[in-house]
């Protein structure tokens, strides 16, 4: 399993808007995009060819962000791509960039939960 997929699953598992649905081999986490609140589903027991959910680095790695769970969220592909194109070139110190990062941090804190133990997620390295 790819590192990006592992981070995505852990971000969803620690987001209280995501719930475990279904039974093996069709278990999935269903929740909401951190930006637009669009409904998203992540398969747990198989890799998806064209997932609609992506891992969002709240503070982009290009600007010093890390893969720490507190810096990760789940976003739909459209919102995540749009944020990167609009805001990443501006960077820290730009009022809009800073406002969006702080809003996302607050939303992530509000959504935070410890992951359910019954998910059997791959280990974070």
PDB file of N, CA and C in Angstrom:
ATOM      1  N   UNK A   1       0.853  -1.179   0.000  1.00  0.00           N
ATOM      2  CA  UNK A   1       0.000   0.000   0.000  1.00  0.00           C
ATOM      3  C   UNK A   1       0.895   1.237   0.000  1.00  0.00           C
ATOM      4  N   UNK A   2       0.513   2.227  -0.771  1.00  0.00           N
ATOM      5  CA  UNK A   2       1.328   3.439  -0.886  1.00  0.00           C
ATOM      6  C   UNK A   2       1.261   4.268   0.401  1.00  0.00           C
ATOM      7  N   UNK A   3       2.284   5.063   0.584  1.00  0.00           N
ATOM      8  CA  UNK A   3       2.333   5.959   1.751  1.00  0.00           C
ATOM      9  C   UNK A   3       1.148   6.931   1.724  1.00  0.00           C
ATOM     10  N   UNK A   4       0.824   7.477   0.547  1.00  0.00           N
ATOM     11  CA  UNK A   4      -0.293   8.425   0.433  1.00  0.00           C
ATOM     12  C   UNK A   4      -1.604   7.765   0.840  1.00  0.00           C
ATOM     13  N   UNK A   5      -1.817   6.521   0.429  1.00  0.00           N
ATOM     14  CA  UNK A   5      -3.060   5.818   0.790  1.00  0.00           C
ATOM     15  C   UNK A   5      -3.105   5.562   2.293  1.00  0.00           C
ATOM     16  N   UNK A   6      -1.982   5.174   2.875  1.00  0.00           N
ATOM     17  CA  UNK A   6      -1.926   4.939   4.318  1.00  0.00           C
ATOM     18  C   UNK A   6      -2.268   6.227   5.071  1.00  0.00           C
ATOM     19  N   UNK A   7      -1.672   7.351   4.667  1.00  0.00           N
ATOM     20  CA  UNK A   7      -1.965   8.634   5.317  1.00  0.00           C
ATOM     21  C   UNK A   7      -3.433   9.009   5.164  1.00  0.00           C
ATOM     22  N   UNK A   8      -3.995   8.762   3.996  1.00  0.00           N
ATOM     23  CA  UNK A   8      -5.405   9.067   3.742  1.00  0.00           C
ATOM     24  C   UNK A   8      -6.310   8.262   4.678  1.00  0.00           C
ATOM     25  N   UNK A   9      -6.035   6.976   4.824  1.00  0.00           N
ATOM     26  CA  UNK A   9      -6.855   6.142   5.703  1.00  0.00           C
ATOM     27  C   UNK A   9      -6.743   6.586   7.157  1.00  0.00           C
ATOM     28  N   UNK A  10      -5.533   6.937   7.591  1.00  0.00           N
ATOM     29  CA  UNK A  10      -5.365   7.403   8.968  1.00  0.00           C
ATOM     30  C   UNK A  10      -6.040   8.757   9.182  1.00  0.00           C
ATOM     31  N   UNK A  11      -5.974   9.634   8.191  1.00  0.00           N
ATOM     32  CA  UNK A  11      -6.651  10.938   8.317  1.00  0.00           C
ATOM     33  C   UNK A  11      -8.155  10.729   8.466  1.00  0.00           C
ATOM     34  N   UNK A  12      -8.716   9.801   7.691  1.00  0.00           N
ATOM     35  CA  UNK A  12     -10.152   9.518   7.793  1.00  0.00           C
ATOM     36  C   UNK A  12     -10.492   8.857   9.127  1.00  0.00           C
ATOM     37  N   UNK A  13      -9.641   7.949   9.583  1.00  0.00           N
ATOM     38  CA  UNK A  13      -9.900   7.237  10.842  1.00  0.00           C
ATOM     39  C   UNK A  13      -9.879   8.173  12.043  1.00  0.00           C
ATOM     40  N   UNK A  14      -9.159   9.269  11.946  1.00  0.00           N
ATOM     41  CA  UNK A  14      -9.078  10.224  13.061  1.00  0.00           C
ATOM     42  C   UNK A  14      -9.991  11.433  12.850  1.00  0.00           C
ATOM     43  N   UNK A  15     -10.924  11.316  11.930  1.00  0.00           N
ATOM     44  CA  UNK A  15     -11.887  12.383  11.613  1.00  0.00           C
ATOM     45  C   UNK A  15     -13.276  11.894  12.012  1.00  0.00           C
ATOM     46  N   UNK A  16     -13.891  12.552  12.973  1.00  0.00           N
ATOM     47  CA  UNK A  16     -15.173  12.085  13.498  1.00  0.00           C
ATOM     48  C   UNK A  16     -16.317  12.126  12.483  1.00  0.00           C
ATOM     49  N   UNK A  17     -16.142  12.794  11.337  1.00  0.00           N
ATOM     50  CA  UNK A  17     -17.206  12.755  10.331  1.00  0.00           C
ATOM     51  C   UNK A  17     -17.189  11.439   9.557  1.00  0.00           C
ATOM     52  N   UNK A  18     -16.127  10.643   9.697  1.00  0.00           N
ATOM     53  CA  UNK A  18     -16.030   9.368   8.985  1.00  0.00           C
ATOM     54  C   UNK A  18     -16.486   8.221   9.879  1.00  0.00           C
ATOM     55  N   UNK A  19     -17.342   7.364   9.320  1.00  0.00           N
ATOM     56  CA  UNK A  19     -17.865   6.209  10.045  1.00  0.00           C
ATOM     57  C   UNK A  19     -17.582   4.945   9.249  1.00  0.00           C
ATOM     58  N   UNK A  20     -17.408   3.855   9.963  1.00  0.00           N
ATOM     59  CA  UNK A  20     -17.193   2.559   9.336  1.00  0.00           C
ATOM     60  C   UNK A  20     -18.533   2.022   8.852  1.00  0.00           C
ATOM     61  N   UNK A  21     -18.569   1.625   7.573  1.00  0.00           N
ATOM     62  CA  UNK A  21     -19.796   1.133   6.951  1.00  0.00           C
ATOM     63  C   UNK A  21     -19.469  -0.172   6.234  1.00  0.00           C
ATOM     64  N   UNK A  22     -20.398  -1.108   6.248  1.00  0.00           N
ATOM     65  CA  UNK A  22     -20.242  -2.344   5.489  1.00  0.00           C
ATOM     66  C   UNK A  22     -19.472  -3.421   6.235  1.00  0.00           C
ATOM     67  N   UNK A  23     -19.328  -4.561   5.560  1.00  0.00           N
ATOM     68  CA  UNK A  23     -18.641  -5.726   6.104  1.00  0.00           C
ATOM     69  C   UNK A  23     -17.595  -6.186   5.103  1.00  0.00           C
ATOM     70  N   UNK A  24     -16.588  -6.901   5.596  1.00  0.00           N
ATOM     71  CA  UNK A  24     -15.552  -7.416   4.694  1.00  0.00           C
ATOM     72  C   UNK A  24     -16.205  -8.205   3.588  1.00  0.00           C
ATOM     73  N   UNK A  25     -15.805  -8.109   2.394  1.00  0.00           N
ATOM     74  CA  UNK A  25     -14.662  -7.367   1.866  1.00  0.00           C
ATOM     75  C   UNK A  25     -15.026  -5.970   1.347  1.00  0.00           C
ATOM     76  N   UNK A  26     -16.167  -5.471   1.781  1.00  0.00           N
ATOM     77  CA  UNK A  26     -16.631  -4.170   1.266  1.00  0.00           C
ATOM     78  C   UNK A  26     -16.699  -3.094   2.344  1.00  0.00           C
ATOM     79  N   UNK A  27     -15.840  -3.177   3.367  1.00  0.00           N
ATOM     80  CA  UNK A  27     -15.833  -2.141   4.396  1.00  0.00           C
ATOM     81  C   UNK A  27     -15.309  -0.835   3.820  1.00  0.00           C
ATOM     82  N   UNK A  28     -15.855   0.250   4.312  1.00  0.00           N
ATOM     83  CA  UNK A  28     -15.399   1.572   3.872  1.00  0.00           C
ATOM     84  C   UNK A  28     -15.619   2.571   4.991  1.00  0.00           C
ATOM     85  N   UNK A  29     -14.868   3.647   4.898  1.00  0.00           N
ATOM     86  CA  UNK A  29     -15.070   4.792   5.780  1.00  0.00           C
ATOM     87  C   UNK A  29     -15.810   5.837   4.971  1.00  0.00           C
ATOM     88  N   UNK A  30     -16.932   6.309   5.489  1.00  0.00           N
ATOM     89  CA  UNK A  30     -17.710   7.341   4.813  1.00  0.00           C
ATOM     90  C   UNK A  30     -17.728   8.586   5.688  1.00  0.00           C
ATOM     91  N   UNK A  31     -17.447   9.727   5.062  1.00  0.00           N
ATOM     92  CA  UNK A  31     -17.419  10.988   5.794  1.00  0.00           C
ATOM     93  C   UNK A  31     -17.508  12.161   4.834  1.00  0.00           C
ATOM     94  N   UNK A  32     -16.918  13.298   5.249  1.00  0.00           N
ATOM     95  CA  UNK A  32     -17.083  14.533   4.479  1.00  0.00           C
ATOM     96  C   UNK A  32     -15.758  15.226   4.196  1.00  0.00           C
ATOM     97  N   UNK A  33     -15.697  15.857   3.030  1.00  0.00           N
ATOM     98  CA  UNK A  33     -14.554  16.686   2.633  1.00  0.00           C
ATOM     99  C   UNK A  33     -14.410  17.830   3.640  1.00  0.00           C
ATOM    100  N   UNK A  34     -13.193  18.120   4.030  1.00  0.00           N
ATOM    101  CA  UNK A  34     -12.959  19.183   5.008  1.00  0.00           C
ATOM    102  C   UNK A  34     -13.306  20.571   4.452  1.00  0.00           C
ATOM    103  N   UNK A  35     -13.336  20.718   3.142  1.00  0.00           N
ATOM    104  CA  UNK A  35     -13.652  22.010   2.524  1.00  0.00           C
ATOM    105  C   UNK A  35     -15.147  22.155   2.240  1.00  0.00           C
ATOM    106  N   UNK A  36     -15.665  21.328   1.323  1.00  0.00           N
ATOM    107  CA  UNK A  36     -17.029  21.514   0.820  1.00  0.00           C
ATOM    108  C   UNK A  36     -18.055  20.604   1.492  1.00  0.00           C
ATOM    109  N   UNK A  37     -17.587  19.692   2.341  1.00  0.00           N
ATOM    110  CA  UNK A  37     -18.432  18.753   3.065  1.00  0.00           C
ATOM    111  C   UNK A  37     -19.144  17.754   2.152  1.00  0.00           C
ATOM    112  N   UNK A  38     -18.603  17.591   0.957  1.00  0.00           N
ATOM    113  CA  UNK A  38     -19.117  16.579   0.026  1.00  0.00           C
ATOM    114  C   UNK A  38     -18.912  15.198   0.639  1.00  0.00           C
ATOM    115  N   UNK A  39     -19.857  14.300   0.427  1.00  0.00           N
ATOM    116  CA  UNK A  39     -19.778  12.935   0.948  1.00  0.00           C
ATOM    117  C   UNK A  39     -18.674  12.183   0.223  1.00  0.00           C
ATOM    118  N   UNK A  40     -17.812  11.515   1.005  1.00  0.00           N
ATOM    119  CA  UNK A  40     -16.698  10.746   0.454  1.00  0.00           C
ATOM    120  C   UNK A  40     -16.708   9.345   1.051  1.00  0.00           C
ATOM    121  N   UNK A  41     -16.214   8.380   0.286  1.00  0.00           N
ATOM    122  CA  UNK A  41     -16.099   7.009   0.775  1.00  0.00           C
ATOM    123  C   UNK A  41     -14.716   6.479   0.426  1.00  0.00           C
ATOM    124  N   UNK A  42     -14.112   5.786   1.380  1.00  0.00           N
ATOM    125  CA  UNK A  42     -12.787   5.186   1.196  1.00  0.00           C
ATOM    126  C   UNK A  42     -12.882   3.692   1.461  1.00  0.00           C
ATOM    127  N   UNK A  43     -12.565   2.876   0.475  1.00  0.00           N
ATOM    128  CA  UNK A  43     -12.557   1.430   0.662  1.00  0.00           C
ATOM    129  C   UNK A  43     -11.422   1.052   1.606  1.00  0.00           C
ATOM    130  N   UNK A  44     -11.696   0.147   2.534  1.00  0.00           N
ATOM    131  CA  UNK A  44     -10.672  -0.291   3.478  1.00  0.00           C
ATOM    132  C   UNK A  44      -9.988  -1.583   3.039  1.00  0.00           C
ATOM    133  N   UNK A  45     -10.699  -2.441   2.357  1.00  0.00           N
ATOM    134  CA  UNK A  45     -10.190  -3.777   2.061  1.00  0.00           C
ATOM    135  C   UNK A  45      -9.628  -3.930   0.657  1.00  0.00           C
ATOM    136  N   UNK A  46      -9.569  -2.853  -0.089  1.00  0.00           N
ATOM    137  CA  UNK A  46      -9.000  -2.902  -1.448  1.00  0.00           C
ATOM    138  C   UNK A  46      -8.553  -1.504  -1.846  1.00  0.00           C
ATOM    139  N   UNK A  47      -7.570  -1.460  -2.735  1.00  0.00           N
ATOM    140  CA  UNK A  47      -7.142  -0.170  -3.278  1.00  0.00           C
ATOM    141  C   UNK A  47      -8.140   0.289  -4.334  1.00  0.00           C
ATOM    142  N   UNK A  48      -8.370   1.564  -4.405  1.00  0.00           N
ATOM    143  CA  UNK A  48      -9.287   2.118  -5.402  1.00  0.00           C
ATOM    144  C   UNK A  48      -8.478   2.651  -6.575  1.00  0.00           C
ATOM    145  N   UNK A  49      -8.955   2.406  -7.759  1.00  0.00           N
ATOM    146  CA  UNK A  49      -8.236   2.845  -8.963  1.00  0.00           C
ATOM    147  C   UNK A  49      -8.251   4.356  -9.130  1.00  0.00           C
ATOM    148  N   UNK A  50      -9.403   4.964  -8.931  1.00  0.00           N
ATOM    149  CA  UNK A  50      -9.552   6.414  -9.115  1.00  0.00           C
ATOM    150  C   UNK A  50     -10.308   7.002  -7.924  1.00  0.00           C
ATOM    151  N   UNK A  51      -9.652   7.092  -6.780  1.00  0.00           N
ATOM    152  CA  UNK A  51     -10.366   7.580  -5.587  1.00  0.00           C
ATOM    153  C   UNK A  51     -10.766   9.042  -5.730  1.00  0.00           C
ATOM    154  N   UNK A  52     -11.910   9.372  -5.161  1.00  0.00           N
ATOM    155  CA  UNK A  52     -12.355  10.774  -5.171  1.00  0.00           C
ATOM    156  C   UNK A  52     -11.812  11.511  -3.956  1.00  0.00           C
ATOM    157  N   UNK A  53     -11.390  10.764  -2.938  1.00  0.00           N
ATOM    158  CA  UNK A  53     -10.844  11.370  -1.721  1.00  0.00           C
ATOM    159  C   UNK A  53      -9.324  11.456  -1.823  1.00  0.00           C
ATOM    160  N   UNK A  54      -8.777  12.539  -1.303  1.00  0.00           N
ATOM    161  CA  UNK A  54      -7.328  12.741  -1.301  1.00  0.00           C
ATOM    162  C   UNK A  54      -6.886  13.192   0.082  1.00  0.00           C
ATOM    163  N   UNK A  55      -5.596  12.994   0.368  1.00  0.00           N
ATOM    164  CA  UNK A  55      -5.050  13.479   1.628  1.00  0.00           C
ATOM    165  C   UNK A  55      -4.659  14.945   1.436  1.00  0.00           C
ATOM    166  N   UNK A  56      -5.133  15.775   2.343  1.00  0.00           N
ATOM    167  CA  UNK A  56      -4.868  17.213   2.313  1.00  0.00           C
ATOM    168  C   UNK A  56      -3.858  17.548   3.403  1.00  0.00           C
ATOM    169  N   UNK A  57      -2.740  18.135   3.021  1.00  0.00           N
ATOM    170  CA  UNK A  57      -1.791  18.653   4.008  1.00  0.00           C
ATOM    171  C   UNK A  57      -2.236  20.077   4.333  1.00  0.00           C
ATOM    172  N   UNK A  58      -2.696  20.293   5.550  1.00  0.00           N
ATOM    173  CA  UNK A  58      -3.232  21.594   5.940  1.00  0.00           C
ATOM    174  C   UNK A  58      -2.180  22.676   5.741  1.00  0.00           C
ATOM    175  N   UNK A  59      -1.001  22.486   6.300  1.00  0.00           N
ATOM    176  CA  UNK A  59       0.146  23.324   5.959  1.00  0.00           C
ATOM    177  C   UNK A  59       0.932  22.514   4.948  1.00  0.00           C
ATOM    178  N   UNK A  60       0.976  22.944   3.685  1.00  0.00           N
ATOM    179  CA  UNK A  60       1.611  22.142   2.634  1.00  0.00           C
ATOM    180  C   UNK A  60       3.064  21.782   2.967  1.00  0.00           C
ATOM    181  N   UNK A  61       3.465  20.610   2.511  1.00  0.00           N
ATOM    182  CA  UNK A  61       4.849  20.180   2.731  1.00  0.00           C
ATOM    183  C   UNK A  61       5.835  21.167   2.132  1.00  0.00           C
ATOM    184  N   UNK A  62       5.467  21.796   1.040  1.00  0.00           N
ATOM    185  CA  UNK A  62       6.350  22.776   0.398  1.00  0.00           C
ATOM    186  C   UNK A  62       6.627  23.977   1.299  1.00  0.00           C
ATOM    187  N   UNK A  63       5.776  24.169   2.305  1.00  0.00           N
ATOM    188  CA  UNK A  63       5.935  25.299   3.232  1.00  0.00           C
ATOM    189  C   UNK A  63       6.234  24.832   4.661  1.00  0.00           C
ATOM    190  N   UNK A  64       6.800  23.636   4.789  1.00  0.00           N
ATOM    191  CA  UNK A  64       7.209  23.144   6.098  1.00  0.00           C
ATOM    192  C   UNK A  64       6.223  22.227   6.788  1.00  0.00           C
ATOM    193  N   UNK A  65       5.102  21.908   6.134  1.00  0.00           N
ATOM    194  CA  UNK A  65       4.133  20.991   6.721  1.00  0.00           C
ATOM    195  C   UNK A  65       4.679  19.570   6.748  1.00  0.00           C
ATOM    196  N   UNK A  66       4.150  18.761   7.649  1.00  0.00           N
ATOM    197  CA  UNK A  66       4.617  17.388   7.806  1.00  0.00           C
ATOM    198  C   UNK A  66       3.470  16.407   7.562  1.00  0.00           C
ATOM    199  N   UNK A  67       3.797  15.117   7.690  1.00  0.00           N
ATOM    200  CA  UNK A  67       2.790  14.063   7.582  1.00  0.00           C
ATOM    201  C   UNK A  67       2.193  13.713   8.938  1.00  0.00           C
ATOM    202  N   UNK A  68       2.368  14.573   9.942  1.00  0.00           N
ATOM    203  CA  UNK A  68       1.751  14.338  11.250  1.00  0.00           C
ATOM    204  C   UNK A  68       0.233  14.342  11.082  1.00  0.00           C
ATOM    205  N   UNK A  69      -0.448  13.454  11.779  1.00  0.00           N
ATOM    206  CA  UNK A  69      -1.894  13.330  11.621  1.00  0.00           C
ATOM    207  C   UNK A  69      -2.633  14.640  11.856  1.00  0.00           C
ATOM    208  N   UNK A  70      -2.120  15.474  12.748  1.00  0.00           N
ATOM    209  CA  UNK A  70      -2.774  16.757  13.021  1.00  0.00           C
ATOM    210  C   UNK A  70      -2.703  17.700  11.821  1.00  0.00           C
ATOM    211  N   UNK A  71      -1.790  17.434  10.894  1.00  0.00           N
ATOM    212  CA  UNK A  71      -1.643  18.276   9.702  1.00  0.00           C
ATOM    213  C   UNK A  71      -2.338  17.671   8.486  1.00  0.00           C
ATOM    214  N   UNK A  72      -3.014  16.553   8.675  1.00  0.00           N
ATOM    215  CA  UNK A  72      -3.663  15.862   7.562  1.00  0.00           C
ATOM    216  C   UNK A  72      -5.172  15.920   7.693  1.00  0.00           C
ATOM    217  N   UNK A  73      -5.829  16.014   6.550  1.00  0.00           N
ATOM    218  CA  UNK A  73      -7.279  15.962   6.495  1.00  0.00           C
ATOM    219  C   UNK A  73      -7.664  15.233   5.212  1.00  0.00           C
ATOM    220  N   UNK A  74      -8.948  14.945   5.081  1.00  0.00           N
ATOM    221  CA  UNK A  74      -9.455  14.306   3.874  1.00  0.00           C
ATOM    222  C   UNK A  74     -10.225  15.352   3.087  1.00  0.00           C
ATOM    223  N   UNK A  75      -9.879  15.465   1.813  1.00  0.00           N
ATOM    224  CA  UNK A  75     -10.547  16.422   0.925  1.00  0.00           C
ATOM    225  C   UNK A  75     -10.896  15.738  -0.385  1.00  0.00           C
ATOM    226  N   UNK A  76     -11.933  16.213  -1.030  1.00  0.00           N
ATOM    227  CA  UNK A  76     -12.243  15.693  -2.364  1.00  0.00           C
ATOM    228  C   UNK A  76     -11.159  16.192  -3.330  1.00  0.00           C
ATOM    229  N   UNK A  77     -10.986  15.476  -4.393  1.00  0.00           N
ATOM    230  CA  UNK A  77      -9.933  15.792  -5.361  1.00  0.00           C
ATOM    231  C   UNK A  77     -10.072  17.223  -5.884  1.00  0.00           C
ATOM    232  N   UNK A  78     -11.291  17.660  -6.153  1.00  0.00           N
ATOM    233  CA  UNK A  78     -11.516  19.004  -6.696  1.00  0.00           C
ATOM    234  C   UNK A  78     -11.078  20.096  -5.720  1.00  0.00           C
ATOM    235  N   UNK A  79     -11.478  19.980  -4.461  1.00  0.00           N
ATOM    236  CA  UNK A  79     -11.114  21.002  -3.466  1.00  0.00           C
ATOM    237  C   UNK A  79      -9.618  21.011  -3.189  1.00  0.00           C
ATOM    238  N   UNK A  80      -9.015  19.846  -3.048  1.00  0.00           N
ATOM    239  CA  UNK A  80      -7.594  19.774  -2.737  1.00  0.00           C
ATOM    240  C   UNK A  80      -6.766  20.371  -3.870  1.00  0.00           C
ATOM    241  N   UNK A  81      -7.106  20.035  -5.103  1.00  0.00           N
ATOM    242  CA  UNK A  81      -6.382  20.589  -6.251  1.00  0.00           C
ATOM    243  C   UNK A  81      -6.559  22.097  -6.360  1.00  0.00           C
ATOM    244  N   UNK A  82      -7.769  22.572  -6.074  1.00  0.00           N
ATOM    245  CA  UNK A  82      -8.036  24.003  -6.146  1.00  0.00           C
ATOM    246  C   UNK A  82      -7.252  24.786  -5.117  1.00  0.00           C
ATOM    247  N   UNK A  83      -7.153  24.257  -3.901  1.00  0.00           N
ATOM    248  CA  UNK A  83      -6.389  24.934  -2.846  1.00  0.00           C
ATOM    249  C   UNK A  83      -4.929  25.046  -3.257  1.00  0.00           C
ATOM    250  N   UNK A  84      -4.379  23.954  -3.769  1.00  0.00           N
ATOM    251  CA  UNK A  84      -2.969  23.957  -4.165  1.00  0.00           C
ATOM    252  C   UNK A  84      -2.671  24.989  -5.240  1.00  0.00           C
ATOM    253  N   UNK A  85      -3.512  25.070  -6.234  1.00  0.00           N
ATOM    254  CA  UNK A  85      -3.287  26.016  -7.337  1.00  0.00           C
ATOM    255  C   UNK A  85      -3.450  27.462  -6.886  1.00  0.00           C
ATOM    256  N   UNK A  86      -4.428  27.706  -5.994  1.00  0.00           N
ATOM    257  CA  UNK A  86      -4.713  29.074  -5.565  1.00  0.00           C
ATOM    258  C   UNK A  86      -3.768  29.571  -4.481  1.00  0.00           C
ATOM    259  N   UNK A  87      -3.477  28.719  -3.497  1.00  0.00           N
ATOM    260  CA  UNK A  87      -2.830  29.222  -2.293  1.00  0.00           C
ATOM    261  C   UNK A  87      -1.378  28.829  -2.107  1.00  0.00           C
ATOM    262  N   UNK A  88      -0.979  27.662  -2.581  1.00  0.00           N
ATOM    263  CA  UNK A  88       0.388  27.214  -2.320  1.00  0.00           C
ATOM    264  C   UNK A  88       1.446  28.189  -2.829  1.00  0.00           C
ATOM    265  N   UNK A  89       1.268  28.808  -4.001  1.00  0.00           N
ATOM    266  CA  UNK A  89       2.287  29.767  -4.439  1.00  0.00           C
ATOM    267  C   UNK A  89       2.400  30.992  -3.522  1.00  0.00           C
ATOM    268  N   UNK A  90       1.318  31.350  -2.847  1.00  0.00           N
ATOM    269  CA  UNK A  90       1.347  32.528  -1.961  1.00  0.00           C
ATOM    270  C   UNK A  90       2.206  32.257  -0.731  1.00  0.00           C
ATOM    271  N   UNK A  91       1.931  31.175  -0.037  1.00  0.00           N
ATOM    272  CA  UNK A  91       2.730  30.766   1.110  1.00  0.00           C
ATOM    273  C   UNK A  91       2.462  31.534   2.390  1.00  0.00           C
ATOM    274  N   UNK A  92       3.123  31.100   3.475  1.00  0.00           N
ATOM    275  CA  UNK A  92       2.945  31.735   4.780  1.00  0.00           C
ATOM    276  C   UNK A  92       3.245  33.235   4.714  1.00  0.00           C
ATOM    277  N   UNK A  93       2.486  33.991   5.472  1.00  0.00           N
ATOM    278  CA  UNK A  93       2.638  35.444   5.471  1.00  0.00           C
ATOM    279  C   UNK A  93       1.617  36.121   4.569  1.00  0.00           C
ATOM    280  N   UNK A  94       1.094  35.394   3.595  1.00  0.00           N
ATOM    281  CA  UNK A  94       0.033  35.932   2.744  1.00  0.00           C
ATOM    282  C   UNK A  94      -1.279  35.804   3.525  1.00  0.00           C
ATOM    283  N   UNK A  95      -2.045  36.891   3.630  1.00  0.00           N
ATOM    284  CA  UNK A  95      -3.241  36.870   4.481  1.00  0.00           C
ATOM    285  C   UNK A  95      -4.235  35.751   4.146  1.00  0.00           C
ATOM    286  N   UNK A  96      -4.496  35.517   2.871  1.00  0.00           N
ATOM    287  CA  UNK A  96      -5.456  34.483   2.509  1.00  0.00           C
ATOM    288  C   UNK A  96      -4.915  33.104   2.855  1.00  0.00           C
ATOM    289  N   UNK A  97      -3.654  32.857   2.546  1.00  0.00           N
ATOM    290  CA  UNK A  97      -3.019  31.572   2.874  1.00  0.00           C
ATOM    291  C   UNK A  97      -3.120  31.315   4.374  1.00  0.00           C
ATOM    292  N   UNK A  98      -2.700  32.279   5.180  1.00  0.00           N
ATOM    293  CA  UNK A  98      -2.714  32.113   6.632  1.00  0.00           C
ATOM    294  C   UNK A  98      -4.127  31.898   7.169  1.00  0.00           C
ATOM    295  N   UNK A  99      -5.098  32.608   6.620  1.00  0.00           N
ATOM    296  CA  UNK A  99      -6.493  32.473   7.066  1.00  0.00           C
ATOM    297  C   UNK A  99      -7.032  31.075   6.754  1.00  0.00           C
ATOM    298  N   UNK A 100      -6.741  30.574   5.562  1.00  0.00           N
ATOM    299  CA  UNK A 100      -7.219  29.240   5.179  1.00  0.00           C
ATOM    300  C   UNK A 100      -6.556  28.168   6.040  1.00  0.00           C
ATOM    301  N   UNK A 101      -5.250  28.273   6.249  1.00  0.00           N
ATOM    302  CA  UNK A 101      -4.550  27.290   7.082  1.00  0.00           C
ATOM    303  C   UNK A 101      -5.117  27.288   8.498  1.00  0.00           C
ATOM    304  N   UNK A 102      -5.343  28.435   9.078  1.00  0.00           N
ATOM    305  CA  UNK A 102      -5.894  28.488  10.438  1.00  0.00           C
ATOM    306  C   UNK A 102      -7.318  27.944  10.500  1.00  0.00           C
ATOM    307  N   UNK A 103      -8.123  28.245   9.487  1.00  0.00           N
ATOM    308  CA  UNK A 103      -9.492  27.706   9.452  1.00  0.00           C
ATOM    309  C   UNK A 103      -9.472  26.190   9.364  1.00  0.00           C
ATOM    310  N   UNK A 104      -8.587  25.646   8.519  1.00  0.00           N
ATOM    311  CA  UNK A 104      -8.493  24.193   8.382  1.00  0.00           C
ATOM    312  C   UNK A 104      -7.959  23.546   9.660  1.00  0.00           C
ATOM    313  N   UNK A 105      -7.014  24.176  10.318  1.00  0.00           N
ATOM    314  CA  UNK A 105      -6.505  23.637  11.595  1.00  0.00           C
ATOM    315  C   UNK A 105      -7.632  23.578  12.633  1.00  0.00           C
ATOM    316  N   UNK A 106      -8.430  24.635  12.698  1.00  0.00           N
ATOM    317  CA  UNK A 106      -9.542  24.666  13.650  1.00  0.00           C
ATOM    318  C   UNK A 106     -10.569  23.578  13.325  1.00  0.00           C
ATOM    319  N   UNK A 107     -10.876  23.414  12.061  1.00  0.00           N
ATOM    320  CA  UNK A 107     -11.832  22.387  11.643  1.00  0.00           C
ATOM    321  C   UNK A 107     -11.294  20.999  11.947  1.00  0.00           C
ATOM    322  N   UNK A 108     -10.009  20.780  11.719  1.00  0.00           N
ATOM    323  CA  UNK A 108      -9.396  19.474  12.000  1.00  0.00           C
ATOM    324  C   UNK A 108      -9.450  19.173  13.497  1.00  0.00           C
ATOM    325  N   UNK A 109      -9.157  20.168  14.320  1.00  0.00           N
ATOM    326  CA  UNK A 109      -9.252  19.971  15.773  1.00  0.00           C
ATOM    327  C   UNK A 109     -10.681  19.616  16.189  1.00  0.00           C
ATOM    328  N   UNK A 110     -11.648  20.270  15.589  1.00  0.00           N
ATOM    329  CA  UNK A 110     -13.051  20.017  15.906  1.00  0.00           C
ATOM    330  C   UNK A 110     -13.459  18.595  15.498  1.00  0.00           C
ATOM    331  N   UNK A 111     -12.903  18.099  14.415  1.00  0.00           N
ATOM    332  CA  UNK A 111     -13.244  16.776  13.904  1.00  0.00           C
ATOM    333  C   UNK A 111     -12.415  15.651  14.532  1.00  0.00           C
ATOM    334  N   UNK A 112     -11.382  15.975  15.284  1.00  0.00           N
ATOM    335  CA  UNK A 112     -10.433  14.967  15.778  1.00  0.00           C
ATOM    336  C   UNK A 112     -11.106  13.922  16.666  1.00  0.00           C
ATOM    337  N   UNK A 113     -10.658  12.690  16.516  1.00  0.00           N
ATOM    338  CA  UNK A 113     -11.012  11.591  17.406  1.00  0.00           C
ATOM    339  C   UNK A 113      -9.899  10.550  17.338  1.00  0.00           C
ATOM    340  N   UNK A 114      -9.827   9.730  18.348  1.00  0.00           N
ATOM    341  CA  UNK A 114      -8.892   8.610  18.299  1.00  0.00           C
ATOM    342  C   UNK A 114      -9.475   7.583  17.338  1.00  0.00           C
ATOM    343  N   UNK A 115      -8.622   6.923  16.552  1.00  0.00           N
ATOM    344  CA  UNK A 115      -9.161   5.978  15.558  1.00  0.00           C
ATOM    345  C   UNK A 115      -9.799   4.756  16.222  1.00  0.00           C
ATOM    346  N   UNK A 116     -10.898   4.263  15.661  1.00  0.00           N
ATOM    347  CA  UNK A 116     -11.500   3.035  16.180  1.00  0.00           C
ATOM    348  C   UNK A 116     -10.503   1.870  16.071  1.00  0.00           C
ATOM    349  N   UNK A 117     -10.521   0.992  17.039  1.00  0.00           N
ATOM    350  CA  UNK A 117      -9.553  -0.101  17.069  1.00  0.00           C
ATOM    351  C   UNK A 117      -9.848  -1.210  16.068  1.00  0.00           C
ATOM    352  N   UNK A 118     -11.056  -1.296  15.553  1.00  0.00           N
ATOM    353  CA  UNK A 118     -11.436  -2.405  14.686  1.00  0.00           C
ATOM    354  C   UNK A 118     -11.147  -2.170  13.208  1.00  0.00           C
ATOM    355  N   UNK A 119     -10.339  -1.188  12.861  1.00  0.00           N
ATOM    356  CA  UNK A 119     -10.088  -0.880  11.446  1.00  0.00           C
ATOM    357  C   UNK A 119      -8.917  -1.653  10.834  1.00  0.00           C
ATOM    358  N   UNK A 120      -7.989  -2.124  11.630  1.00  0.00           N
ATOM    359  CA  UNK A 120      -6.813  -2.832  11.109  1.00  0.00           C
ATOM    360  C   UNK A 120      -6.081  -2.005  10.061  1.00  0.00           C
ATOM    361  N   UNK A 121      -5.756  -0.782  10.411  1.00  0.00           N
ATOM    362  CA  UNK A 121      -5.059   0.118   9.477  1.00  0.00           C
ATOM    363  C   UNK A 121      -3.593  -0.272   9.357  1.00  0.00           C
ATOM    364  N   UNK A 122      -2.994  -0.012   8.185  1.00  0.00           N
ATOM    365  CA  UNK A 122      -1.552  -0.260   8.042  1.00  0.00           C
ATOM    366  C   UNK A 122      -0.780   0.673   8.979  1.00  0.00           C
ATOM    367  N   UNK A 123       0.363   0.221   9.421  1.00  0.00           N
ATOM    368  CA  UNK A 123       1.173   1.012  10.357  1.00  0.00           C
ATOM    369  C   UNK A 123       1.683   2.289   9.690  1.00  0.00           C
ATOM    370  N   UNK A 124       1.695   3.356  10.467  1.00  0.00           N
ATOM    371  CA  UNK A 124       2.303   4.609  10.016  1.00  0.00           C
ATOM    372  C   UNK A 124       3.808   4.496  10.228  1.00  0.00           C
ATOM    373  N   UNK A 125       4.587   4.823   9.222  1.00  0.00           N
ATOM    374  CA  UNK A 125       6.040   4.763   9.352  1.00  0.00           C
ATOM    375  C   UNK A 125       6.590   6.157   9.385  1.00  0.00           C
TER     376      UNK A 125
END
